[in-house]
């Protein structure tokens, strides 16, 4: 049992060291003008449930999008429009997107406007 624990400890240390090496490698690539942008999805209905619970509004009076991961709030819809407008100022070599509905729908209008594609 002690040998297994020690080898697990050694493996963790090796992985931690590899993580440091990977980070250092990425840092040197970043100095070569590599820029990575992360974009969070627009506000979906599941993001506002706590706000509606705290408001005391009865659940039967909540808008239909509250609690749904596949529906944007009115604020989320405005964020999607803003993302599309703001991203037009940038040039991207590659776009990757999560397979979730909300992330794909956040970037989709930009892709349509630019004729670009994204990898899931």
PDB file of N, CA and C in Angstrom:
ATOM      1  N   UNK A   1       0.819  -1.190   0.000  1.00  0.00           N
ATOM      2  CA  UNK A   1       0.000   0.000   0.000  1.00  0.00           C
ATOM      3  C   UNK A   1       0.866   1.258   0.000  1.00  0.00           C
ATOM      4  N   UNK A   2       1.948   1.244   0.751  1.00  0.00           N
ATOM      5  CA  UNK A   2       2.821   2.410   0.799  1.00  0.00           C
ATOM      6  C   UNK A   2       3.433   2.671  -0.569  1.00  0.00           C
ATOM      7  N   UNK A   3       3.842   1.606  -1.282  1.00  0.00           N
ATOM      8  CA  UNK A   3       4.417   1.755  -2.613  1.00  0.00           C
ATOM      9  C   UNK A   3       3.442   2.376  -3.596  1.00  0.00           C
ATOM     10  N   UNK A   4       2.185   2.013  -3.491  1.00  0.00           N
ATOM     11  CA  UNK A   4       1.173   2.576  -4.388  1.00  0.00           C
ATOM     12  C   UNK A   4       0.989   4.058  -4.095  1.00  0.00           C
ATOM     13  N   UNK A   5       0.924   4.401  -2.822  1.00  0.00           N
ATOM     14  CA  UNK A   5       0.780   5.807  -2.454  1.00  0.00           C
ATOM     15  C   UNK A   5       1.982   6.615  -2.932  1.00  0.00           C
ATOM     16  N   UNK A   6       3.169   6.075  -2.744  1.00  0.00           N
ATOM     17  CA  UNK A   6       4.367   6.797  -3.170  1.00  0.00           C
ATOM     18  C   UNK A   6       4.387   6.973  -4.682  1.00  0.00           C
ATOM     19  N   UNK A   7       4.006   5.914  -5.410  1.00  0.00           N
ATOM     20  CA  UNK A   7       4.030   6.056  -6.859  1.00  0.00           C
ATOM     21  C   UNK A   7       2.934   7.034  -7.302  1.00  0.00           C
ATOM     22  N   UNK A   8       1.802   7.084  -6.591  1.00  0.00           N
ATOM     23  CA  UNK A   8       0.770   8.067  -6.911  1.00  0.00           C
ATOM     24  C   UNK A   8       1.293   9.466  -6.649  1.00  0.00           C
ATOM     25  N   UNK A   9       2.001   9.623  -5.549  1.00  0.00           N
ATOM     26  CA  UNK A   9       2.584  10.922  -5.219  1.00  0.00           C
ATOM     27  C   UNK A   9       3.595  11.319  -6.296  1.00  0.00           C
ATOM     28  N   UNK A  10       4.427  10.367  -6.687  1.00  0.00           N
ATOM     29  CA  UNK A  10       5.435  10.640  -7.718  1.00  0.00           C
ATOM     30  C   UNK A  10       4.752  10.998  -9.041  1.00  0.00           C
ATOM     31  N   UNK A  11       3.678  10.304  -9.380  1.00  0.00           N
ATOM     32  CA  UNK A  11       2.957  10.590 -10.615  1.00  0.00           C
ATOM     33  C   UNK A  11       2.351  11.995 -10.563  1.00  0.00           C
ATOM     34  N   UNK A  12       1.768  12.362  -9.420  1.00  0.00           N
ATOM     35  CA  UNK A  12       1.203  13.713  -9.276  1.00  0.00           C
ATOM     36  C   UNK A  12       2.284  14.765  -9.462  1.00  0.00           C
ATOM     37  N   UNK A  13       3.444  14.534  -8.860  1.00  0.00           N
ATOM     38  CA  UNK A  13       4.547  15.489  -8.983  1.00  0.00           C
ATOM     39  C   UNK A  13       5.009  15.593 -10.440  1.00  0.00           C
ATOM     40  N   UNK A  14       5.093  14.452 -11.120  1.00  0.00           N
ATOM     41  CA  UNK A  14       5.496  14.446 -12.516  1.00  0.00           C
ATOM     42  C   UNK A  14       4.485  15.222 -13.359  1.00  0.00           C
ATOM     43  N   UNK A  15       3.203  14.992 -13.106  1.00  0.00           N
ATOM     44  CA  UNK A  15       2.172  15.708 -13.848  1.00  0.00           C
ATOM     45  C   UNK A  15       2.214  17.199 -13.542  1.00  0.00           C
ATOM     46  N   UNK A  16       2.452  17.545 -12.273  1.00  0.00           N
ATOM     47  CA  UNK A  16       2.567  18.958 -11.926  1.00  0.00           C
ATOM     48  C   UNK A  16       3.745  19.573 -12.664  1.00  0.00           C
ATOM     49  N   UNK A  17       4.870  18.888 -12.703  1.00  0.00           N
ATOM     50  CA  UNK A  17       6.035  19.397 -13.406  1.00  0.00           C
ATOM     51  C   UNK A  17       5.733  19.552 -14.892  1.00  0.00           C
ATOM     52  N   UNK A  18       5.053  18.548 -15.481  1.00  0.00           N
ATOM     53  CA  UNK A  18       4.693  18.651 -16.888  1.00  0.00           C
ATOM     54  C   UNK A  18       3.779  19.837 -17.131  1.00  0.00           C
ATOM     55  N   UNK A  19       2.886  20.104 -16.175  1.00  0.00           N
ATOM     56  CA  UNK A  19       2.015  21.275 -16.285  1.00  0.00           C
ATOM     57  C   UNK A  19       2.820  22.556 -16.321  1.00  0.00           C
ATOM     58  N   UNK A  20       3.865  22.617 -15.514  1.00  0.00           N
ATOM     59  CA  UNK A  20       4.726  23.793 -15.501  1.00  0.00           C
ATOM     60  C   UNK A  20       5.456  23.920 -16.833  1.00  0.00           C
ATOM     61  N   UNK A  21       5.948  22.812 -17.334  1.00  0.00           N
ATOM     62  CA  UNK A  21       6.647  22.833 -18.624  1.00  0.00           C
ATOM     63  C   UNK A  21       5.689  23.263 -19.727  1.00  0.00           C
ATOM     64  N   UNK A  22       4.462  22.727 -19.702  1.00  0.00           N
ATOM     65  CA  UNK A  22       3.469  23.102 -20.694  1.00  0.00           C
ATOM     66  C   UNK A  22       3.179  24.591 -20.598  1.00  0.00           C
ATOM     67  N   UNK A  23       3.028  25.097 -19.382  1.00  0.00           N
ATOM     68  CA  UNK A  23       2.756  26.515 -19.185  1.00  0.00           C
ATOM     69  C   UNK A  23       3.911  27.345 -19.728  1.00  0.00           C
ATOM     70  N   UNK A  24       5.143  26.929 -19.445  1.00  0.00           N
ATOM     71  CA  UNK A  24       6.298  27.663 -19.951  1.00  0.00           C
ATOM     72  C   UNK A  24       6.337  27.620 -21.474  1.00  0.00           C
ATOM     73  N   UNK A  25       5.995  26.485 -22.052  1.00  0.00           N
ATOM     74  CA  UNK A  25       5.965  26.377 -23.510  1.00  0.00           C
ATOM     75  C   UNK A  25       4.919  27.319 -24.087  1.00  0.00           C
ATOM     76  N   UNK A  26       3.745  27.347 -23.472  1.00  0.00           N
ATOM     77  CA  UNK A  26       2.694  28.241 -23.957  1.00  0.00           C
ATOM     78  C   UNK A  26       3.090  29.694 -23.773  1.00  0.00           C
ATOM     79  N   UNK A  27       3.796  29.983 -22.691  1.00  0.00           N
ATOM     80  CA  UNK A  27       4.238  31.352 -22.464  1.00  0.00           C
ATOM     81  C   UNK A  27       5.174  31.793 -23.572  1.00  0.00           C
ATOM     82  N   UNK A  28       6.050  30.905 -24.033  1.00  0.00           N
ATOM     83  CA  UNK A  28       6.960  31.285 -25.109  1.00  0.00           C
ATOM     84  C   UNK A  28       6.200  31.455 -26.427  1.00  0.00           C
ATOM     85  N   UNK A  29       5.162  30.647 -26.652  1.00  0.00           N
ATOM     86  CA  UNK A  29       4.341  30.817 -27.845  1.00  0.00           C
ATOM     87  C   UNK A  29       3.587  32.137 -27.763  1.00  0.00           C
ATOM     88  N   UNK A  30       3.105  32.481 -26.572  1.00  0.00           N
ATOM     89  CA  UNK A  30       2.359  33.718 -26.399  1.00  0.00           C
ATOM     90  C   UNK A  30       3.235  34.923 -26.747  1.00  0.00           C
ATOM     91  N   UNK A  31       4.516  34.809 -26.517  1.00  0.00           N
ATOM     92  CA  UNK A  31       5.419  35.895 -26.877  1.00  0.00           C
ATOM     93  C   UNK A  31       5.561  36.006 -28.387  1.00  0.00           C
ATOM     94  N   UNK A  32       5.124  35.000 -29.114  1.00  0.00           N
ATOM     95  CA  UNK A  32       5.166  35.018 -30.578  1.00  0.00           C
ATOM     96  C   UNK A  32       3.860  35.577 -31.137  1.00  0.00           C
ATOM     97  N   UNK A  33       3.207  36.441 -30.383  1.00  0.00           N
ATOM     98  CA  UNK A  33       1.975  37.122 -30.775  1.00  0.00           C
ATOM     99  C   UNK A  33       0.761  36.218 -30.871  1.00  0.00           C
ATOM    100  N   UNK A  34       0.771  35.085 -30.223  1.00  0.00           N
ATOM    101  CA  UNK A  34      -0.411  34.245 -30.157  1.00  0.00           C
ATOM    102  C   UNK A  34      -1.371  34.869 -29.152  1.00  0.00           C
ATOM    103  N   UNK A  35      -2.568  35.087 -29.573  1.00  0.00           N
ATOM    104  CA  UNK A  35      -3.583  35.652 -28.680  1.00  0.00           C
ATOM    105  C   UNK A  35      -4.764  34.705 -28.643  1.00  0.00           C
ATOM    106  N   UNK A  36      -5.217  34.402 -27.445  1.00  0.00           N
ATOM    107  CA  UNK A  36      -6.373  33.542 -27.268  1.00  0.00           C
ATOM    108  C   UNK A  36      -7.443  34.355 -26.551  1.00  0.00           C
ATOM    109  N   UNK A  37      -8.616  34.390 -27.119  1.00  0.00           N
ATOM    110  CA  UNK A  37      -9.734  35.114 -26.534  1.00  0.00           C
ATOM    111  C   UNK A  37     -10.762  34.112 -26.049  1.00  0.00           C
ATOM    112  N   UNK A  38     -11.256  34.323 -24.860  1.00  0.00           N
ATOM    113  CA  UNK A  38     -12.310  33.486 -24.305  1.00  0.00           C
ATOM    114  C   UNK A  38     -13.565  34.331 -24.217  1.00  0.00           C
ATOM    115  N   UNK A  39     -14.663  33.765 -24.635  1.00  0.00           N
ATOM    116  CA  UNK A  39     -15.939  34.464 -24.607  1.00  0.00           C
ATOM    117  C   UNK A  39     -16.947  33.589 -23.888  1.00  0.00           C
ATOM    118  N   UNK A  40     -17.579  34.137 -22.880  1.00  0.00           N
ATOM    119  CA  UNK A  40     -18.605  33.391 -22.159  1.00  0.00           C
ATOM    120  C   UNK A  40     -19.920  33.535 -22.921  1.00  0.00           C
ATOM    121  N   UNK A  41     -20.768  32.535 -22.788  1.00  0.00           N
ATOM    122  CA  UNK A  41     -22.064  32.581 -23.468  1.00  0.00           C
ATOM    123  C   UNK A  41     -22.917  33.716 -22.919  1.00  0.00           C
ATOM    124  N   UNK A  42     -23.874  34.127 -23.703  1.00  0.00           N
ATOM    125  CA  UNK A  42     -24.819  35.162 -23.281  1.00  0.00           C
ATOM    126  C   UNK A  42     -25.692  34.623 -22.144  1.00  0.00           C
ATOM    127  N   UNK A  43     -26.334  35.522 -21.440  1.00  0.00           N
ATOM    128  CA  UNK A  43     -27.151  35.143 -20.289  1.00  0.00           C
ATOM    129  C   UNK A  43     -28.349  34.306 -20.740  1.00  0.00           C
ATOM    130  N   UNK A  44     -28.394  33.089 -20.219  1.00  0.00           N
ATOM    131  CA  UNK A  44     -29.507  32.190 -20.512  1.00  0.00           C
ATOM    132  C   UNK A  44     -30.426  32.137 -19.291  1.00  0.00           C
ATOM    133  N   UNK A  45     -31.576  31.544 -19.492  1.00  0.00           N
ATOM    134  CA  UNK A  45     -32.586  31.502 -18.430  1.00  0.00           C
ATOM    135  C   UNK A  45     -32.120  30.859 -17.140  1.00  0.00           C
ATOM    136  N   UNK A  46     -31.230  29.881 -17.230  1.00  0.00           N
ATOM    137  CA  UNK A  46     -30.753  29.223 -16.011  1.00  0.00           C
ATOM    138  C   UNK A  46     -29.876  30.147 -15.170  1.00  0.00           C
ATOM    139  N   UNK A  47     -29.345  31.212 -15.779  1.00  0.00           N
ATOM    140  CA  UNK A  47     -28.487  32.136 -15.050  1.00  0.00           C
ATOM    141  C   UNK A  47     -29.262  33.071 -14.125  1.00  0.00           C
ATOM    142  N   UNK A  48     -30.581  33.158 -14.283  1.00  0.00           N
ATOM    143  CA  UNK A  48     -31.347  34.152 -13.525  1.00  0.00           C
ATOM    144  C   UNK A  48     -32.324  33.540 -12.526  1.00  0.00           C
ATOM    145  N   UNK A  49     -32.295  32.248 -12.354  1.00  0.00           N
ATOM    146  CA  UNK A  49     -33.242  31.590 -11.446  1.00  0.00           C
ATOM    147  C   UNK A  49     -33.118  32.157 -10.035  1.00  0.00           C
ATOM    148  N   UNK A  50     -31.895  32.261  -9.521  1.00  0.00           N
ATOM    149  CA  UNK A  50     -31.696  32.765  -8.146  1.00  0.00           C
ATOM    150  C   UNK A  50     -32.243  34.177  -7.995  1.00  0.00           C
ATOM    151  N   UNK A  51     -32.090  34.983  -9.023  1.00  0.00           N
ATOM    152  CA  UNK A  51     -32.600  36.356  -8.988  1.00  0.00           C
ATOM    153  C   UNK A  51     -34.123  36.357  -8.876  1.00  0.00           C
ATOM    154  N   UNK A  52     -34.776  35.460  -9.603  1.00  0.00           N
ATOM    155  CA  UNK A  52     -36.239  35.395  -9.549  1.00  0.00           C
ATOM    156  C   UNK A  52     -36.726  34.800  -8.234  1.00  0.00           C
ATOM    157  N   UNK A  53     -36.013  33.822  -7.714  1.00  0.00           N
ATOM    158  CA  UNK A  53     -36.370  33.257  -6.404  1.00  0.00           C
ATOM    159  C   UNK A  53     -36.280  34.346  -5.348  1.00  0.00           C
ATOM    160  N   UNK A  54     -35.185  35.104  -5.357  1.00  0.00           N
ATOM    161  CA  UNK A  54     -34.982  36.166  -4.368  1.00  0.00           C
ATOM    162  C   UNK A  54     -36.009  37.283  -4.500  1.00  0.00           C
ATOM    163  N   UNK A  55     -36.532  37.478  -5.699  1.00  0.00           N
ATOM    164  CA  UNK A  55     -37.496  38.562  -5.916  1.00  0.00           C
ATOM    165  C   UNK A  55     -38.850  38.281  -5.268  1.00  0.00           C
ATOM    166  N   UNK A  56     -39.126  37.011  -5.001  1.00  0.00           N
ATOM    167  CA  UNK A  56     -40.403  36.662  -4.395  1.00  0.00           C
ATOM    168  C   UNK A  56     -41.551  36.547  -5.385  1.00  0.00           C
ATOM    169  N   UNK A  57     -41.278  36.729  -6.652  1.00  0.00           N
ATOM    170  CA  UNK A  57     -42.320  36.587  -7.677  1.00  0.00           C
ATOM    171  C   UNK A  57     -42.712  35.115  -7.740  1.00  0.00           C
ATOM    172  N   UNK A  58     -44.003  34.805  -7.669  1.00  0.00           N
ATOM    173  CA  UNK A  58     -44.424  33.399  -7.754  1.00  0.00           C
ATOM    174  C   UNK A  58     -43.962  32.761  -9.063  1.00  0.00           C
ATOM    175  N   UNK A  59     -43.577  31.498  -8.999  1.00  0.00           N
ATOM    176  CA  UNK A  59     -43.027  30.813 -10.177  1.00  0.00           C
ATOM    177  C   UNK A  59     -43.995  30.792 -11.357  1.00  0.00           C
ATOM    178  N   UNK A  60     -45.287  30.784 -11.080  1.00  0.00           N
ATOM    179  CA  UNK A  60     -46.248  30.767 -12.189  1.00  0.00           C
ATOM    180  C   UNK A  60     -46.314  32.112 -12.921  1.00  0.00           C
ATOM    181  N   UNK A  61     -45.631  33.128 -12.394  1.00  0.00           N
ATOM    182  CA  UNK A  61     -45.585  34.434 -13.048  1.00  0.00           C
ATOM    183  C   UNK A  61     -44.229  34.713 -13.695  1.00  0.00           C
ATOM    184  N   UNK A  62     -43.310  33.765 -13.614  1.00  0.00           N
ATOM    185  CA  UNK A  62     -41.990  33.942 -14.222  1.00  0.00           C
ATOM    186  C   UNK A  62     -42.105  33.889 -15.746  1.00  0.00           C
ATOM    187  N   UNK A  63     -41.274  34.653 -16.440  1.00  0.00           N
ATOM    188  CA  UNK A  63     -41.236  34.523 -17.909  1.00  0.00           C
ATOM    189  C   UNK A  63     -40.846  33.102 -18.290  1.00  0.00           C
ATOM    190  N   UNK A  64     -41.242  32.680 -19.457  1.00  0.00           N
ATOM    191  CA  UNK A  64     -41.036  31.306 -19.898  1.00  0.00           C
ATOM    192  C   UNK A  64     -39.553  30.937 -19.958  1.00  0.00           C
ATOM    193  N   UNK A  65     -38.657  31.892 -20.170  1.00  0.00           N
ATOM    194  CA  UNK A  65     -37.235  31.597 -20.322  1.00  0.00           C
ATOM    195  C   UNK A  65     -36.506  31.377 -19.003  1.00  0.00           C
ATOM    196  N   UNK A  66     -37.107  31.722 -17.880  1.00  0.00           N
ATOM    197  CA  UNK A  66     -36.439  31.547 -16.582  1.00  0.00           C
ATOM    198  C   UNK A  66     -36.221  30.058 -16.317  1.00  0.00           C
ATOM    199  N   UNK A  67     -34.981  29.698 -16.044  1.00  0.00           N
ATOM    200  CA  UNK A  67     -34.642  28.325 -15.727  1.00  0.00           C
ATOM    201  C   UNK A  67     -34.219  27.482 -16.916  1.00  0.00           C
ATOM    202  N   UNK A  68     -34.375  27.995 -18.122  1.00  0.00           N
ATOM    203  CA  UNK A  68     -34.048  27.216 -19.320  1.00  0.00           C
ATOM    204  C   UNK A  68     -32.619  27.470 -19.778  1.00  0.00           C
ATOM    205  N   UNK A  69     -31.895  26.389 -20.060  1.00  0.00           N
ATOM    206  CA  UNK A  69     -30.534  26.519 -20.578  1.00  0.00           C
ATOM    207  C   UNK A  69     -30.529  26.765 -22.079  1.00  0.00           C
ATOM    208  N   UNK A  70     -31.681  26.583 -22.703  1.00  0.00           N
ATOM    209  CA  UNK A  70     -31.746  26.748 -24.155  1.00  0.00           C
ATOM    210  C   UNK A  70     -32.623  27.924 -24.580  1.00  0.00           C
ATOM    211  N   UNK A  71     -32.675  28.927 -23.723  1.00  0.00           N
ATOM    212  CA  UNK A  71     -33.378  30.172 -24.049  1.00  0.00           C
ATOM    213  C   UNK A  71     -32.603  31.327 -23.437  1.00  0.00           C
ATOM    214  N   UNK A  72     -32.389  32.378 -24.222  1.00  0.00           N
ATOM    215  CA  UNK A  72     -31.732  33.566 -23.683  1.00  0.00           C
ATOM    216  C   UNK A  72     -32.749  34.462 -22.991  1.00  0.00           C
ATOM    217  N   UNK A  73     -32.255  35.183 -22.005  1.00  0.00           N
ATOM    218  CA  UNK A  73     -33.054  36.235 -21.384  1.00  0.00           C
ATOM    219  C   UNK A  73     -33.038  37.425 -22.341  1.00  0.00           C
ATOM    220  N   UNK A  74     -33.887  38.430 -22.118  1.00  0.00           N
ATOM    221  CA  UNK A  74     -33.794  39.637 -22.960  1.00  0.00           C
ATOM    222  C   UNK A  74     -32.383  40.255 -22.890  1.00  0.00           C
ATOM    223  N   UNK A  75     -31.775  40.240 -21.716  1.00  0.00           N
ATOM    224  CA  UNK A  75     -30.401  40.728 -21.571  1.00  0.00           C
ATOM    225  C   UNK A  75     -29.439  39.867 -22.396  1.00  0.00           C
ATOM    226  N   UNK A  76     -29.632  38.566 -22.377  1.00  0.00           N
ATOM    227  CA  UNK A  76     -28.796  37.658 -23.155  1.00  0.00           C
ATOM    228  C   UNK A  76     -28.913  37.918 -24.652  1.00  0.00           C
ATOM    229  N   UNK A  77     -30.119  38.198 -25.115  1.00  0.00           N
ATOM    230  CA  UNK A  77     -30.307  38.506 -26.536  1.00  0.00           C
ATOM    231  C   UNK A  77     -29.567  39.783 -26.911  1.00  0.00           C
ATOM    232  N   UNK A  78     -29.582  40.774 -26.011  1.00  0.00           N
ATOM    233  CA  UNK A  78     -28.830  42.016 -26.245  1.00  0.00           C
ATOM    234  C   UNK A  78     -27.324  41.729 -26.243  1.00  0.00           C
ATOM    235  N   UNK A  79     -26.880  40.826 -25.370  1.00  0.00           N
ATOM    236  CA  UNK A  79     -25.467  40.467 -25.326  1.00  0.00           C
ATOM    237  C   UNK A  79     -25.027  39.805 -26.629  1.00  0.00           C
ATOM    238  N   UNK A  80     -25.873  38.962 -27.193  1.00  0.00           N
ATOM    239  CA  UNK A  80     -25.547  38.309 -28.467  1.00  0.00           C
ATOM    240  C   UNK A  80     -25.369  39.363 -29.552  1.00  0.00           C
ATOM    241  N   UNK A  81     -26.265  40.338 -29.599  1.00  0.00           N
ATOM    242  CA  UNK A  81     -26.134  41.408 -30.599  1.00  0.00           C
ATOM    243  C   UNK A  81     -24.831  42.183 -30.380  1.00  0.00           C
ATOM    244  N   UNK A  82     -24.489  42.438 -29.125  1.00  0.00           N
ATOM    245  CA  UNK A  82     -23.255  43.159 -28.803  1.00  0.00           C
ATOM    246  C   UNK A  82     -22.014  42.373 -29.171  1.00  0.00           C
ATOM    247  N   UNK A  83     -22.044  41.073 -28.923  1.00  0.00           N
ATOM    248  CA  UNK A  83     -20.910  40.206 -29.281  1.00  0.00           C
ATOM    249  C   UNK A  83     -20.675  40.275 -30.785  1.00  0.00           C
ATOM    250  N   UNK A  84     -21.736  40.152 -31.533  1.00  0.00           N
ATOM    251  CA  UNK A  84     -21.622  40.168 -32.989  1.00  0.00           C
ATOM    252  C   UNK A  84     -20.991  41.479 -33.448  1.00  0.00           C
ATOM    253  N   UNK A  85     -21.466  42.580 -32.937  1.00  0.00           N
ATOM    254  CA  UNK A  85     -20.936  43.889 -33.312  1.00  0.00           C
ATOM    255  C   UNK A  85     -19.485  44.050 -32.879  1.00  0.00           C
ATOM    256  N   UNK A  86     -19.179  43.706 -31.646  1.00  0.00           N
ATOM    257  CA  UNK A  86     -17.837  43.914 -31.106  1.00  0.00           C
ATOM    258  C   UNK A  86     -16.788  43.017 -31.762  1.00  0.00           C
ATOM    259  N   UNK A  87     -17.147  41.792 -32.079  1.00  0.00           N
ATOM    260  CA  UNK A  87     -16.167  40.879 -32.665  1.00  0.00           C
ATOM    261  C   UNK A  87     -15.793  41.245 -34.097  1.00  0.00           C
ATOM    262  N   UNK A  88     -16.595  42.033 -34.749  1.00  0.00           N
ATOM    263  CA  UNK A  88     -16.276  42.442 -36.119  1.00  0.00           C
ATOM    264  C   UNK A  88     -14.971  43.237 -36.181  1.00  0.00           C
ATOM    265  N   UNK A  89     -14.529  43.782 -35.060  1.00  0.00           N
ATOM    266  CA  UNK A  89     -13.289  44.559 -35.013  1.00  0.00           C
ATOM    267  C   UNK A  89     -12.048  43.670 -34.946  1.00  0.00           C
ATOM    268  N   UNK A  90     -12.224  42.360 -34.807  1.00  0.00           N
ATOM    269  CA  UNK A  90     -11.100  41.442 -34.653  1.00  0.00           C
ATOM    270  C   UNK A  90     -10.997  40.497 -35.838  1.00  0.00           C
ATOM    271  N   UNK A  91      -9.777  39.998 -36.059  1.00  0.00           N
ATOM    272  CA  UNK A  91      -9.559  38.968 -37.072  1.00  0.00           C
ATOM    273  C   UNK A  91      -9.121  37.700 -36.351  1.00  0.00           C
ATOM    274  N   UNK A  92      -9.793  36.617 -36.608  1.00  0.00           N
ATOM    275  CA  UNK A  92      -9.494  35.353 -35.949  1.00  0.00           C
ATOM    276  C   UNK A  92      -8.998  34.337 -36.972  1.00  0.00           C
ATOM    277  N   UNK A  93      -7.993  33.578 -36.579  1.00  0.00           N
ATOM    278  CA  UNK A  93      -7.500  32.493 -37.424  1.00  0.00           C
ATOM    279  C   UNK A  93      -8.311  31.222 -37.199  1.00  0.00           C
ATOM    280  N   UNK A  94      -8.855  31.072 -36.014  1.00  0.00           N
ATOM    281  CA  UNK A  94      -9.559  29.843 -35.654  1.00  0.00           C
ATOM    282  C   UNK A  94     -10.580  30.168 -34.574  1.00  0.00           C
ATOM    283  N   UNK A  95     -11.746  29.578 -34.680  1.00  0.00           N
ATOM    284  CA  UNK A  95     -12.789  29.763 -33.669  1.00  0.00           C
ATOM    285  C   UNK A  95     -13.243  28.384 -33.210  1.00  0.00           C
ATOM    286  N   UNK A  96     -13.191  28.157 -31.918  1.00  0.00           N
ATOM    287  CA  UNK A  96     -13.683  26.909 -31.322  1.00  0.00           C
ATOM    288  C   UNK A  96     -14.832  27.269 -30.389  1.00  0.00           C
ATOM    289  N   UNK A  97     -15.821  26.404 -30.346  1.00  0.00           N
ATOM    290  CA  UNK A  97     -16.995  26.679 -29.524  1.00  0.00           C
ATOM    291  C   UNK A  97     -17.437  25.404 -28.821  1.00  0.00           C
ATOM    292  N   UNK A  98     -17.930  25.562 -27.623  1.00  0.00           N
ATOM    293  CA  UNK A  98     -18.483  24.444 -26.859  1.00  0.00           C
ATOM    294  C   UNK A  98     -19.728  23.914 -27.569  1.00  0.00           C
ATOM    295  N   UNK A  99     -20.060  22.650 -27.370  1.00  0.00           N
ATOM    296  CA  UNK A  99     -21.245  22.106 -28.040  1.00  0.00           C
ATOM    297  C   UNK A  99     -22.578  22.529 -27.406  1.00  0.00           C
ATOM    298  N   UNK A 100     -22.557  23.222 -26.287  1.00  0.00           N
ATOM    299  CA  UNK A 100     -23.830  23.588 -25.658  1.00  0.00           C
ATOM    300  C   UNK A 100     -24.609  24.584 -26.510  1.00  0.00           C
ATOM    301  N   UNK A 101     -25.909  24.521 -26.410  1.00  0.00           N
ATOM    302  CA  UNK A 101     -26.791  25.383 -27.200  1.00  0.00           C
ATOM    303  C   UNK A 101     -26.444  26.849 -26.993  1.00  0.00           C
ATOM    304  N   UNK A 102     -26.318  27.263 -25.744  1.00  0.00           N
ATOM    305  CA  UNK A 102     -26.142  28.685 -25.449  1.00  0.00           C
ATOM    306  C   UNK A 102     -24.825  29.237 -26.004  1.00  0.00           C
ATOM    307  N   UNK A 103     -23.772  28.414 -26.022  1.00  0.00           N
ATOM    308  CA  UNK A 103     -22.504  28.919 -26.566  1.00  0.00           C
ATOM    309  C   UNK A 103     -22.553  28.977 -28.093  1.00  0.00           C
ATOM    310  N   UNK A 104     -23.147  27.973 -28.702  1.00  0.00           N
ATOM    311  CA  UNK A 104     -23.261  27.996 -30.159  1.00  0.00           C
ATOM    312  C   UNK A 104     -24.139  29.157 -30.622  1.00  0.00           C
ATOM    313  N   UNK A 105     -25.233  29.411 -29.907  1.00  0.00           N
ATOM    314  CA  UNK A 105     -26.145  30.476 -30.302  1.00  0.00           C
ATOM    315  C   UNK A 105     -25.582  31.857 -30.002  1.00  0.00           C
ATOM    316  N   UNK A 106     -24.646  31.960 -29.070  1.00  0.00           N
ATOM    317  CA  UNK A 106     -24.008  33.245 -28.785  1.00  0.00           C
ATOM    318  C   UNK A 106     -23.127  33.670 -29.949  1.00  0.00           C
ATOM    319  N   UNK A 107     -22.398  32.742 -30.544  1.00  0.00           N
ATOM    320  CA  UNK A 107     -21.458  33.076 -31.616  1.00  0.00           C
ATOM    321  C   UNK A 107     -22.077  32.970 -33.014  1.00  0.00           C
ATOM    322  N   UNK A 108     -23.186  32.268 -33.157  1.00  0.00           N
ATOM    323  CA  UNK A 108     -23.772  32.011 -34.467  1.00  0.00           C
ATOM    324  C   UNK A 108     -24.048  33.281 -35.293  1.00  0.00           C
ATOM    325  N   UNK A 109     -24.652  34.328 -34.728  1.00  0.00           N
ATOM    326  CA  UNK A 109     -24.887  35.526 -35.549  1.00  0.00           C
ATOM    327  C   UNK A 109     -23.589  36.145 -36.077  1.00  0.00           C
ATOM    328  N   UNK A 110     -22.517  36.087 -35.288  1.00  0.00           N
ATOM    329  CA  UNK A 110     -21.215  36.576 -35.762  1.00  0.00           C
ATOM    330  C   UNK A 110     -20.732  35.725 -36.937  1.00  0.00           C
ATOM    331  N   UNK A 111     -20.859  34.418 -36.797  1.00  0.00           N
ATOM    332  CA  UNK A 111     -20.425  33.523 -37.872  1.00  0.00           C
ATOM    333  C   UNK A 111     -21.214  33.786 -39.150  1.00  0.00           C
ATOM    334  N   UNK A 112     -22.508  33.995 -39.009  1.00  0.00           N
ATOM    335  CA  UNK A 112     -23.340  34.293 -40.178  1.00  0.00           C
ATOM    336  C   UNK A 112     -22.927  35.610 -40.825  1.00  0.00           C
ATOM    337  N   UNK A 113     -22.689  36.619 -39.984  1.00  0.00           N
ATOM    338  CA  UNK A 113     -22.353  37.942 -40.502  1.00  0.00           C
ATOM    339  C   UNK A 113     -21.013  37.954 -41.229  1.00  0.00           C
ATOM    340  N   UNK A 114     -20.108  37.095 -40.829  1.00  0.00           N
ATOM    341  CA  UNK A 114     -18.766  37.092 -41.398  1.00  0.00           C
ATOM    342  C   UNK A 114     -18.511  35.948 -42.385  1.00  0.00           C
ATOM    343  N   UNK A 115     -19.460  35.025 -42.489  1.00  0.00           N
ATOM    344  CA  UNK A 115     -19.263  33.874 -43.346  1.00  0.00           C
ATOM    345  C   UNK A 115     -18.229  32.890 -42.796  1.00  0.00           C
ATOM    346  N   UNK A 116     -17.931  32.996 -41.502  1.00  0.00           N
ATOM    347  CA  UNK A 116     -16.938  32.142 -40.860  1.00  0.00           C
ATOM    348  C   UNK A 116     -17.584  30.861 -40.353  1.00  0.00           C
ATOM    349  N   UNK A 117     -16.756  29.915 -39.963  1.00  0.00           N
ATOM    350  CA  UNK A 117     -17.217  28.689 -39.331  1.00  0.00           C
ATOM    351  C   UNK A 117     -16.479  28.532 -38.003  1.00  0.00           C
ATOM    352  N   UNK A 118     -16.991  27.660 -37.165  1.00  0.00           N
ATOM    353  CA  UNK A 118     -16.359  27.382 -35.884  1.00  0.00           C
ATOM    354  C   UNK A 118     -16.307  25.873 -35.699  1.00  0.00           C
ATOM    355  N   UNK A 119     -15.277  25.420 -35.021  1.00  0.00           N
ATOM    356  CA  UNK A 119     -15.139  24.013 -34.681  1.00  0.00           C
ATOM    357  C   UNK A 119     -15.764  23.775 -33.317  1.00  0.00           C
ATOM    358  N   UNK A 120     -16.528  22.700 -33.218  1.00  0.00           N
ATOM    359  CA  UNK A 120     -17.113  22.357 -31.918  1.00  0.00           C
ATOM    360  C   UNK A 120     -16.130  21.477 -31.179  1.00  0.00           C
TER     361      UNK A 120
END
